[in-house]
Amino acid sequence: MATSANYKKGRQIRAKLMGPAMVKQMAKNVYDDPIMQKFGDYASEAVFGMLWGRPGLDLKTRTLICVVSDTSTGRWPELAIHLRMARRQGWTENQLTEVLMHLSGYIGLPLVREAMLTAKEVFHAMKVEK
């Protein structure tokens, strides 16, 4: 793939959000074949470069939007990724837990329960990694 300005910007934003260890792990475990390489290149350019790189909201706010969206739609693998990003952008475990609890009144307890279980795993893994 030719590297456009949005692709380059997207790779920088992605690295800032995920951190070098997660980027390396995903390259090894997710984007290690031609099919997923195409997906990763597209995500870097369109999602991270064009969408996350838009003016108007900071990265911290954007990570919280993703946490809410993933929880509301039951996207648990994506929630795990976005919770990590949110923690790296400065949201505390307590703040993220309160966001999830607040959602229970709007989207229901079953979705929030699964989100809380995902958060529990992510927060534990992040502590072990340190």
N, C-alpha and C. Protein backbone atom coordinates (compact mmCIF):
# COMPACT_ATOMS: atom_id res chain seq x y z
N MET A 1 0.83 -1.18 0.00
CA MET A 1 0.00 0.00 0.00
C MET A 1 0.87 1.24 0.00
N ALA A 2 0.52 2.19 -0.84
CA ALA A 2 1.20 3.48 -0.82
C ALA A 2 0.83 4.20 0.47
N THR A 3 1.80 4.81 1.09
CA THR A 3 1.55 5.45 2.37
C THR A 3 1.16 6.91 2.17
N SER A 4 -0.12 7.17 2.35
CA SER A 4 -0.66 8.53 2.24
C SER A 4 -0.38 9.29 3.53
N ALA A 5 -0.65 10.57 3.49
CA ALA A 5 -0.49 11.40 4.69
C ALA A 5 -1.42 10.91 5.80
N ASN A 6 -2.65 10.51 5.44
CA ASN A 6 -3.59 10.01 6.45
C ASN A 6 -3.12 8.68 7.03
N TYR A 7 -2.51 7.84 6.21
CA TYR A 7 -1.98 6.57 6.71
C TYR A 7 -0.88 6.84 7.73
N LYS A 8 0.05 7.73 7.39
CA LYS A 8 1.15 8.06 8.31
C LYS A 8 0.62 8.67 9.60
N LYS A 9 -0.33 9.60 9.48
CA LYS A 9 -0.92 10.21 10.67
C LYS A 9 -1.65 9.16 11.50
N GLY A 10 -2.36 8.26 10.83
CA GLY A 10 -3.09 7.20 11.52
C GLY A 10 -2.18 6.27 12.28
N ARG A 11 -1.04 5.93 11.70
CA ARG A 11 -0.08 5.05 12.39
C ARG A 11 0.46 5.74 13.65
N GLN A 12 0.68 7.05 13.57
CA GLN A 12 1.16 7.79 14.74
C GLN A 12 0.10 7.83 15.83
N ILE A 13 -1.13 8.11 15.44
CA ILE A 13 -2.22 8.18 16.43
C ILE A 13 -2.44 6.81 17.06
N ARG A 14 -2.46 5.78 16.24
CA ARG A 14 -2.65 4.40 16.73
C ARG A 14 -1.56 4.04 17.74
N ALA A 15 -0.33 4.36 17.44
CA ALA A 15 0.78 4.06 18.36
C ALA A 15 0.63 4.84 19.66
N LYS A 16 0.19 6.08 19.57
CA LYS A 16 0.00 6.89 20.79
C LYS A 16 -1.12 6.29 21.66
N LEU A 17 -2.19 5.85 21.02
CA LEU A 17 -3.32 5.30 21.76
C LEU A 17 -3.02 3.93 22.36
N MET A 18 -2.35 3.09 21.61
CA MET A 18 -2.15 1.71 22.02
C MET A 18 -0.85 1.48 22.77
N GLY A 19 0.16 2.24 22.44
CA GLY A 19 1.47 2.00 23.02
C GLY A 19 2.23 0.97 22.21
N PRO A 20 3.56 1.03 22.27
CA PRO A 20 4.38 0.16 21.43
C PRO A 20 4.17 -1.33 21.67
N ALA A 21 3.96 -1.73 22.90
CA ALA A 21 3.80 -3.17 23.19
C ALA A 21 2.53 -3.73 22.54
N MET A 22 1.44 -3.00 22.63
CA MET A 22 0.19 -3.48 22.05
C MET A 22 0.25 -3.47 20.53
N VAL A 23 0.86 -2.44 19.94
CA VAL A 23 1.01 -2.38 18.49
C VAL A 23 1.82 -3.59 18.01
N LYS A 24 2.89 -3.88 18.71
CA LYS A 24 3.75 -5.02 18.35
C LYS A 24 2.99 -6.34 18.49
N GLN A 25 2.24 -6.49 19.58
CA GLN A 25 1.47 -7.71 19.81
C GLN A 25 0.41 -7.90 18.72
N MET A 26 -0.29 -6.83 18.36
CA MET A 26 -1.32 -6.93 17.33
C MET A 26 -0.71 -7.24 15.97
N ALA A 27 0.46 -6.67 15.68
CA ALA A 27 1.14 -6.96 14.41
C ALA A 27 1.49 -8.44 14.32
N LYS A 28 1.87 -9.01 15.44
CA LYS A 28 2.27 -10.42 15.48
C LYS A 28 1.07 -11.36 15.47
N ASN A 29 0.00 -11.01 16.19
CA ASN A 29 -1.12 -11.93 16.40
C ASN A 29 -2.36 -11.67 15.55
N VAL A 30 -2.51 -10.45 15.04
CA VAL A 30 -3.73 -10.10 14.31
C VAL A 30 -3.44 -9.78 12.85
N TYR A 31 -2.46 -8.94 12.63
CA TYR A 31 -2.20 -8.42 11.28
C TYR A 31 -1.03 -9.12 10.60
N ASP A 32 -0.88 -10.42 10.89
CA ASP A 32 0.27 -11.16 10.39
C ASP A 32 -0.01 -11.94 9.10
N ASP A 33 -1.13 -11.71 8.46
CA ASP A 33 -1.40 -12.35 7.17
C ASP A 33 -1.93 -11.31 6.19
N PRO A 34 -1.90 -11.62 4.89
CA PRO A 34 -2.26 -10.61 3.88
C PRO A 34 -3.68 -10.07 4.02
N ILE A 35 -4.63 -10.88 4.40
CA ILE A 35 -6.02 -10.42 4.53
C ILE A 35 -6.12 -9.39 5.65
N MET A 36 -5.59 -9.71 6.80
CA MET A 36 -5.67 -8.79 7.93
C MET A 36 -4.74 -7.60 7.75
N GLN A 37 -3.67 -7.77 6.99
CA GLN A 37 -2.78 -6.64 6.68
C GLN A 37 -3.56 -5.58 5.92
N LYS A 38 -4.39 -6.00 4.97
CA LYS A 38 -5.22 -5.05 4.22
C LYS A 38 -6.17 -4.31 5.15
N PHE A 39 -6.78 -5.06 6.06
CA PHE A 39 -7.70 -4.44 7.02
C PHE A 39 -6.95 -3.44 7.90
N GLY A 40 -5.78 -3.83 8.40
CA GLY A 40 -4.99 -2.95 9.26
C GLY A 40 -4.56 -1.67 8.56
N ASP A 41 -4.17 -1.81 7.29
CA ASP A 41 -3.78 -0.63 6.52
C ASP A 41 -4.97 0.32 6.35
N TYR A 42 -6.13 -0.26 6.04
CA TYR A 42 -7.32 0.57 5.87
C TYR A 42 -7.69 1.27 7.19
N ALA A 43 -7.67 0.51 8.28
CA ALA A 43 -8.01 1.08 9.58
C ALA A 43 -7.03 2.20 9.94
N SER A 44 -5.76 2.01 9.66
CA SER A 44 -4.77 3.05 9.96
C SER A 44 -5.08 4.33 9.20
N GLU A 45 -5.41 4.18 7.91
CA GLU A 45 -5.65 5.37 7.09
C GLU A 45 -7.01 6.00 7.38
N ALA A 46 -8.07 5.21 7.29
CA ALA A 46 -9.42 5.77 7.36
C ALA A 46 -9.89 6.03 8.79
N VAL A 47 -9.68 5.07 9.67
CA VAL A 47 -10.21 5.23 11.03
C VAL A 47 -9.28 6.10 11.87
N PHE A 48 -8.02 5.71 11.96
CA PHE A 48 -7.12 6.47 12.83
C PHE A 48 -6.66 7.77 12.18
N GLY A 49 -6.34 7.74 10.90
CA GLY A 49 -5.85 8.94 10.23
C GLY A 49 -6.92 9.98 9.97
N MET A 50 -8.05 9.52 9.43
CA MET A 50 -9.10 10.47 9.05
C MET A 50 -10.09 10.74 10.17
N LEU A 51 -10.54 9.71 10.88
CA LEU A 51 -11.57 9.89 11.90
C LEU A 51 -10.98 10.35 13.23
N TRP A 52 -10.02 9.59 13.77
CA TRP A 52 -9.41 9.97 15.04
C TRP A 52 -8.59 11.24 14.90
N GLY A 53 -8.13 11.54 13.69
CA GLY A 53 -7.30 12.72 13.47
C GLY A 53 -8.08 14.00 13.21
N ARG A 54 -9.40 13.92 13.22
CA ARG A 54 -10.21 15.12 12.98
C ARG A 54 -10.07 16.11 14.15
N PRO A 55 -10.19 17.39 13.85
CA PRO A 55 -10.17 18.37 14.94
C PRO A 55 -11.52 18.36 15.68
N GLY A 56 -11.54 18.94 16.85
CA GLY A 56 -12.80 19.13 17.56
C GLY A 56 -12.92 18.34 18.85
N LEU A 57 -12.29 17.17 18.91
CA LEU A 57 -12.30 16.36 20.13
C LEU A 57 -10.89 15.86 20.39
N ASP A 58 -10.51 15.79 21.65
CA ASP A 58 -9.20 15.24 21.97
C ASP A 58 -9.26 13.71 21.99
N LEU A 59 -8.10 13.08 22.01
CA LEU A 59 -8.05 11.61 21.99
C LEU A 59 -8.69 11.01 23.24
N LYS A 60 -8.55 11.68 24.37
CA LYS A 60 -9.14 11.17 25.61
C LYS A 60 -10.66 11.06 25.47
N THR A 61 -11.29 12.08 24.96
CA THR A 61 -12.74 12.07 24.78
C THR A 61 -13.14 10.99 23.77
N ARG A 62 -12.38 10.89 22.69
CA ARG A 62 -12.70 9.89 21.66
C ARG A 62 -12.63 8.46 22.22
N THR A 63 -11.66 8.20 23.12
CA THR A 63 -11.59 6.85 23.70
C THR A 63 -12.84 6.56 24.53
N LEU A 64 -13.33 7.55 25.26
CA LEU A 64 -14.53 7.33 26.07
C LEU A 64 -15.75 7.07 25.18
N ILE A 65 -15.85 7.78 24.07
CA ILE A 65 -16.94 7.54 23.13
C ILE A 65 -16.89 6.09 22.65
N CYS A 66 -15.71 5.58 22.37
CA CYS A 66 -15.58 4.19 21.92
C CYS A 66 -15.98 3.20 23.01
N VAL A 67 -15.61 3.48 24.24
CA VAL A 67 -16.00 2.60 25.36
C VAL A 67 -17.52 2.54 25.45
N VAL A 68 -18.18 3.68 25.37
CA VAL A 68 -19.65 3.72 25.45
C VAL A 68 -20.27 3.00 24.25
N SER A 69 -19.75 3.25 23.07
CA SER A 69 -20.28 2.62 21.86
C SER A 69 -20.10 1.10 21.90
N ASP A 70 -18.92 0.64 22.27
CA ASP A 70 -18.66 -0.80 22.33
C ASP A 70 -19.58 -1.48 23.35
N THR A 71 -19.76 -0.84 24.49
CA THR A 71 -20.62 -1.40 25.53
C THR A 71 -22.06 -1.46 25.05
N SER A 72 -22.51 -0.40 24.42
CA SER A 72 -23.90 -0.32 23.96
C SER A 72 -24.21 -1.33 22.87
N THR A 73 -23.21 -1.71 22.10
CA THR A 73 -23.42 -2.65 21.00
C THR A 73 -22.88 -4.05 21.28
N GLY A 74 -22.36 -4.26 22.48
CA GLY A 74 -21.89 -5.58 22.88
C GLY A 74 -20.66 -6.06 22.11
N ARG A 75 -19.75 -5.17 21.84
CA ARG A 75 -18.53 -5.50 21.09
C ARG A 75 -17.37 -5.69 22.07
N TRP A 76 -17.30 -6.88 22.68
CA TRP A 76 -16.37 -7.10 23.80
C TRP A 76 -14.90 -7.07 23.40
N PRO A 77 -14.47 -7.69 22.29
CA PRO A 77 -13.05 -7.57 21.94
C PRO A 77 -12.63 -6.12 21.68
N GLU A 78 -13.50 -5.36 21.02
CA GLU A 78 -13.19 -3.95 20.77
C GLU A 78 -13.20 -3.16 22.07
N LEU A 79 -14.12 -3.51 22.98
CA LEU A 79 -14.15 -2.83 24.28
C LEU A 79 -12.83 -3.02 25.01
N ALA A 80 -12.29 -4.22 24.96
CA ALA A 80 -11.01 -4.47 25.63
C ALA A 80 -9.91 -3.56 25.06
N ILE A 81 -9.89 -3.41 23.76
CA ILE A 81 -8.90 -2.54 23.12
C ILE A 81 -9.13 -1.09 23.53
N HIS A 82 -10.38 -0.65 23.49
CA HIS A 82 -10.67 0.75 23.77
C HIS A 82 -10.53 1.09 25.26
N LEU A 83 -10.77 0.13 26.15
CA LEU A 83 -10.50 0.37 27.57
C LEU A 83 -9.02 0.61 27.80
N ARG A 84 -8.18 -0.17 27.14
CA ARG A 84 -6.74 0.04 27.25
C ARG A 84 -6.36 1.43 26.74
N MET A 85 -6.93 1.80 25.60
CA MET A 85 -6.65 3.13 25.05
C MET A 85 -7.11 4.21 26.03
N ALA A 86 -8.29 4.03 26.60
CA ALA A 86 -8.84 5.02 27.53
C ALA A 86 -7.93 5.17 28.76
N ARG A 87 -7.45 4.06 29.28
CA ARG A 87 -6.53 4.12 30.43
C ARG A 87 -5.26 4.86 30.04
N ARG A 88 -4.73 4.59 28.85
CA ARG A 88 -3.51 5.26 28.39
C ARG A 88 -3.73 6.75 28.17
N GLN A 89 -4.97 7.16 27.93
CA GLN A 89 -5.26 8.58 27.73
C GLN A 89 -5.63 9.29 29.02
N GLY A 90 -5.59 8.58 30.14
CA GLY A 90 -5.77 9.26 31.43
C GLY A 90 -7.05 8.95 32.18
N TRP A 91 -7.96 8.20 31.60
CA TRP A 91 -9.17 7.82 32.35
C TRP A 91 -8.76 6.81 33.42
N THR A 92 -9.28 6.96 34.63
CA THR A 92 -8.96 6.04 35.71
C THR A 92 -9.91 4.83 35.65
N GLU A 93 -9.51 3.77 36.33
CA GLU A 93 -10.39 2.60 36.42
C GLU A 93 -11.73 3.00 37.03
N ASN A 94 -11.69 3.81 38.07
CA ASN A 94 -12.92 4.24 38.73
C ASN A 94 -13.82 5.04 37.79
N GLN A 95 -13.24 5.96 37.05
CA GLN A 95 -14.05 6.76 36.11
C GLN A 95 -14.68 5.87 35.04
N LEU A 96 -13.91 4.95 34.50
CA LEU A 96 -14.45 4.07 33.46
C LEU A 96 -15.53 3.15 34.03
N THR A 97 -15.33 2.67 35.25
CA THR A 97 -16.34 1.85 35.90
C THR A 97 -17.62 2.64 36.12
N GLU A 98 -17.50 3.89 36.53
CA GLU A 98 -18.68 4.73 36.72
C GLU A 98 -19.41 5.00 35.40
N VAL A 99 -18.66 5.17 34.32
CA VAL A 99 -19.28 5.33 33.01
C VAL A 99 -20.11 4.09 32.68
N LEU A 100 -19.53 2.92 32.91
CA LEU A 100 -20.25 1.67 32.64
C LEU A 100 -21.48 1.55 33.53
N MET A 101 -21.34 1.88 34.80
CA MET A 101 -22.48 1.82 35.72
C MET A 101 -23.59 2.77 35.26
N HIS A 102 -23.21 3.95 34.83
CA HIS A 102 -24.20 4.92 34.37
C HIS A 102 -24.96 4.38 33.17
N LEU A 103 -24.29 3.66 32.32
CA LEU A 103 -24.95 3.09 31.14
C LEU A 103 -26.02 2.06 31.50
N SER A 104 -25.92 1.46 32.67
CA SER A 104 -26.89 0.41 33.03
C SER A 104 -28.32 0.94 33.05
N GLY A 105 -28.49 2.20 33.35
CA GLY A 105 -29.83 2.79 33.34
C GLY A 105 -30.37 3.07 31.96
N TYR A 106 -29.53 2.98 30.96
CA TYR A 106 -29.92 3.32 29.59
C TYR A 106 -29.87 2.15 28.62
N ILE A 107 -28.92 1.25 28.82
CA ILE A 107 -28.80 0.14 27.87
C ILE A 107 -29.08 -1.22 28.52
N GLY A 108 -29.16 -1.27 29.84
CA GLY A 108 -29.51 -2.50 30.53
C GLY A 108 -28.35 -3.18 31.22
N LEU A 109 -28.71 -3.94 32.26
CA LEU A 109 -27.71 -4.62 33.07
C LEU A 109 -26.94 -5.72 32.34
N PRO A 110 -27.56 -6.52 31.47
CA PRO A 110 -26.78 -7.58 30.83
C PRO A 110 -25.58 -7.06 30.03
N LEU A 111 -25.77 -6.00 29.26
CA LEU A 111 -24.65 -5.44 28.51
C LEU A 111 -23.60 -4.86 29.45
N VAL A 112 -24.03 -4.18 30.48
CA VAL A 112 -23.08 -3.57 31.42
C VAL A 112 -22.34 -4.65 32.20
N ARG A 113 -23.02 -5.72 32.55
CA ARG A 113 -22.35 -6.83 33.26
C ARG A 113 -21.20 -7.37 32.42
N GLU A 114 -21.44 -7.61 31.16
CA GLU A 114 -20.38 -8.12 30.28
C GLU A 114 -19.26 -7.10 30.13
N ALA A 115 -19.63 -5.84 30.06
CA ALA A 115 -18.62 -4.78 29.96
C ALA A 115 -17.77 -4.73 31.23
N MET A 116 -18.40 -4.88 32.37
CA MET A 116 -17.67 -4.86 33.64
C MET A 116 -16.71 -6.06 33.73
N LEU A 117 -17.16 -7.21 33.25
CA LEU A 117 -16.28 -8.39 33.24
C LEU A 117 -15.08 -8.15 32.32
N THR A 118 -15.34 -7.55 31.18
CA THR A 118 -14.25 -7.23 30.26
C THR A 118 -13.30 -6.23 30.91
N ALA A 119 -13.85 -5.20 31.54
CA ALA A 119 -13.02 -4.19 32.22
C ALA A 119 -12.18 -4.83 33.32
N LYS A 120 -12.77 -5.71 34.08
CA LYS A 120 -12.05 -6.41 35.15
C LYS A 120 -10.83 -7.13 34.58
N GLU A 121 -11.01 -7.84 33.48
CA GLU A 121 -9.90 -8.56 32.85
C GLU A 121 -8.83 -7.61 32.32
N VAL A 122 -9.26 -6.56 31.65
CA VAL A 122 -8.32 -5.60 31.08
C VAL A 122 -7.52 -4.90 32.17
N PHE A 123 -8.21 -4.43 33.20
CA PHE A 123 -7.51 -3.72 34.28
C PHE A 123 -6.52 -4.63 34.99
N HIS A 124 -6.91 -5.88 35.19
CA HIS A 124 -6.01 -6.85 35.83
C HIS A 124 -4.78 -7.08 34.93
N ALA A 125 -5.02 -7.30 33.65
CA ALA A 125 -3.91 -7.56 32.72
C ALA A 125 -2.96 -6.38 32.67
N MET A 126 -3.49 -5.16 32.69
CA MET A 126 -2.64 -3.99 32.63
C MET A 126 -1.78 -3.86 33.88
N LYS A 127 -2.32 -4.26 35.04
CA LYS A 127 -1.54 -4.22 36.28
C LYS A 127 -0.42 -5.26 36.22
N VAL A 128 -0.72 -6.44 35.71
CA VAL A 128 0.28 -7.49 35.61
C VAL A 128 1.38 -7.10 34.65
N GLU A 129 1.03 -6.42 33.57
CA GLU A 129 2.01 -6.01 32.56
C GLU A 129 3.01 -5.00 33.09
N LYS A 130 2.61 -4.21 34.09
CA LYS A 130 3.53 -3.22 34.67
C LYS A 130 4.51 -3.93 35.51
